[in-house]
């Protein structure tokens, strides 16, 4: 995975336009020991957590609902939120939503179940 996204332009709008799936993610770049991923979300993901890694979500378009054990965080475009390691969470989107995520390169995208 070394060098992914290095010395090239990453066009998230083009990726969004050319992706018909309602739920997917792409690794855009590796930055030191972290990955920058783009997610396209529509619907809901399962409850999960990451034992060792924090996870940062930044909304590019749409609206992301981040369910935590005791509350729901609503993120609109240009807003971000970090879920600390070990915190049970679930992502939901009622409409097509594009999100950038920054997380350790050891994160399992489906979570530590």
Protein backbone atom coordinates (compact mmCIF):
# COMPACT_ATOMS: atom_id res chain seq x y z
CA UNK A 1 0.00 0.00 0.00
CA UNK A 2 3.03 2.31 0.05
CA UNK A 3 2.75 5.26 -2.29
CA UNK A 4 -1.01 5.07 -2.83
CA UNK A 5 -2.24 8.55 -3.70
CA UNK A 6 1.28 9.98 -3.82
CA UNK A 7 2.28 12.47 -6.48
CA UNK A 8 -1.11 12.43 -8.17
CA UNK A 9 -4.31 14.45 -8.07
CA UNK A 10 -7.17 12.72 -6.25
CA UNK A 11 -10.54 13.80 -7.66
CA UNK A 12 -13.25 12.84 -5.15
CA UNK A 13 -16.01 14.36 -7.32
CA UNK A 14 -15.02 12.07 -10.20
CA UNK A 15 -14.94 9.04 -7.89
CA UNK A 16 -18.42 9.96 -6.62
CA UNK A 17 -19.80 10.43 -10.17
CA UNK A 18 -18.39 7.08 -11.34
CA UNK A 19 -19.48 4.99 -8.35
CA UNK A 20 -22.98 3.50 -8.61
CA UNK A 21 -22.79 1.61 -5.27
CA UNK A 22 -24.77 2.94 -2.31
CA UNK A 23 -22.19 1.86 0.27
CA UNK A 24 -18.47 1.65 -0.43
CA UNK A 25 -15.12 3.14 0.49
CA UNK A 26 -11.83 3.77 -1.24
CA UNK A 27 -8.37 4.30 0.18
CA UNK A 28 -7.25 7.60 -1.35
CA UNK A 29 -3.83 7.96 0.22
CA UNK A 30 -1.49 6.70 2.90
CA UNK A 31 0.00 9.46 5.03
CA UNK A 32 2.67 8.11 7.36
CA UNK A 33 0.81 5.52 9.50
CA UNK A 34 -2.68 6.77 8.59
CA UNK A 35 -5.03 6.22 5.68
CA UNK A 36 -7.26 8.81 4.05
CA UNK A 37 -10.40 7.10 2.80
CA UNK A 38 -13.46 8.29 0.94
CA UNK A 39 -16.77 6.69 1.77
CA UNK A 40 -20.01 6.82 -0.15
CA UNK A 41 -22.85 6.06 2.24
CA UNK A 42 -26.58 5.60 1.72
CA UNK A 43 -28.39 3.46 4.27
CA UNK A 44 -26.97 2.21 7.54
CA UNK A 45 -23.87 0.32 8.64
CA UNK A 46 -23.72 -2.12 11.56
CA UNK A 47 -22.72 -1.23 15.12
CA UNK A 48 -18.99 -1.70 15.64
CA UNK A 49 -15.89 -0.27 17.29
CA UNK A 50 -12.15 -0.12 16.70
CA UNK A 51 -10.11 -1.41 19.63
CA UNK A 52 -6.87 0.40 18.86
CA UNK A 53 -7.65 3.33 16.55
CA UNK A 54 -9.56 6.63 16.56
CA UNK A 55 -11.62 7.34 13.43
CA UNK A 56 -12.20 10.82 11.95
CA UNK A 57 -15.19 11.54 9.67
CA UNK A 58 -15.47 14.69 7.51
CA UNK A 59 -18.59 15.24 5.38
CA UNK A 60 -18.02 16.46 1.82
CA UNK A 61 -21.67 16.26 0.69
CA UNK A 62 -24.96 14.98 2.09
CA UNK A 63 -25.66 14.38 5.79
CA UNK A 64 -24.02 11.77 8.02
CA UNK A 65 -25.69 10.45 11.15
CA UNK A 66 -23.18 9.01 13.59
CA UNK A 67 -24.93 6.93 16.24
CA UNK A 68 -23.06 6.55 19.52
CA UNK A 69 -24.27 4.57 22.53
CA UNK A 70 -25.94 7.59 24.15
CA UNK A 71 -26.58 10.08 21.32
CA UNK A 72 -26.63 10.72 17.58
CA UNK A 73 -24.28 13.25 15.99
CA UNK A 74 -25.51 14.91 12.77
CA UNK A 75 -22.75 16.06 10.44
CA UNK A 76 -23.39 18.36 7.50
CA UNK A 77 -20.96 19.32 4.71
CA UNK A 78 -17.69 20.76 5.99
CA UNK A 79 -18.19 19.31 9.48
CA UNK A 80 -16.09 16.61 11.10
CA UNK A 81 -16.08 14.41 14.19
CA UNK A 82 -13.60 11.98 15.75
CA UNK A 83 -14.87 8.72 17.26
CA UNK A 84 -12.36 7.66 19.92
CA UNK A 85 -10.97 4.13 19.92
CA UNK A 86 -13.16 1.59 21.67
CA UNK A 87 -16.39 3.61 21.29
CA UNK A 88 -19.28 1.61 19.80
CA UNK A 89 -20.73 3.50 16.81
CA UNK A 90 -22.75 3.16 13.64
CA UNK A 91 -22.92 5.39 10.56
CA UNK A 92 -26.17 6.14 8.73
CA UNK A 93 -27.11 8.30 5.75
CA UNK A 94 -30.66 8.89 4.55
CA UNK A 95 -29.34 10.30 1.26
CA UNK A 96 -26.17 9.72 -0.73
CA UNK A 97 -23.38 11.14 1.43
CA UNK A 98 -19.69 11.49 0.64
CA UNK A 99 -17.34 11.35 3.61
CA UNK A 100 -13.59 11.56 4.04
CA UNK A 101 -12.18 9.41 6.83
CA UNK A 102 -8.75 9.50 8.44
CA UNK A 103 -7.78 6.44 10.41
CA UNK A 104 -4.80 4.31 11.33
CA UNK A 105 -3.58 1.92 8.65
CA UNK A 106 -4.49 -0.98 10.95
CA UNK A 107 -8.24 -0.16 11.00
CA UNK A 108 -10.48 -2.94 9.78
CA UNK A 109 -13.07 -1.10 7.64
CA UNK A 110 -15.89 -3.32 8.97
CA UNK A 111 -14.83 -2.75 12.58
CA UNK A 112 -13.66 -4.97 15.41
CA UNK A 113 -16.81 -6.96 16.10
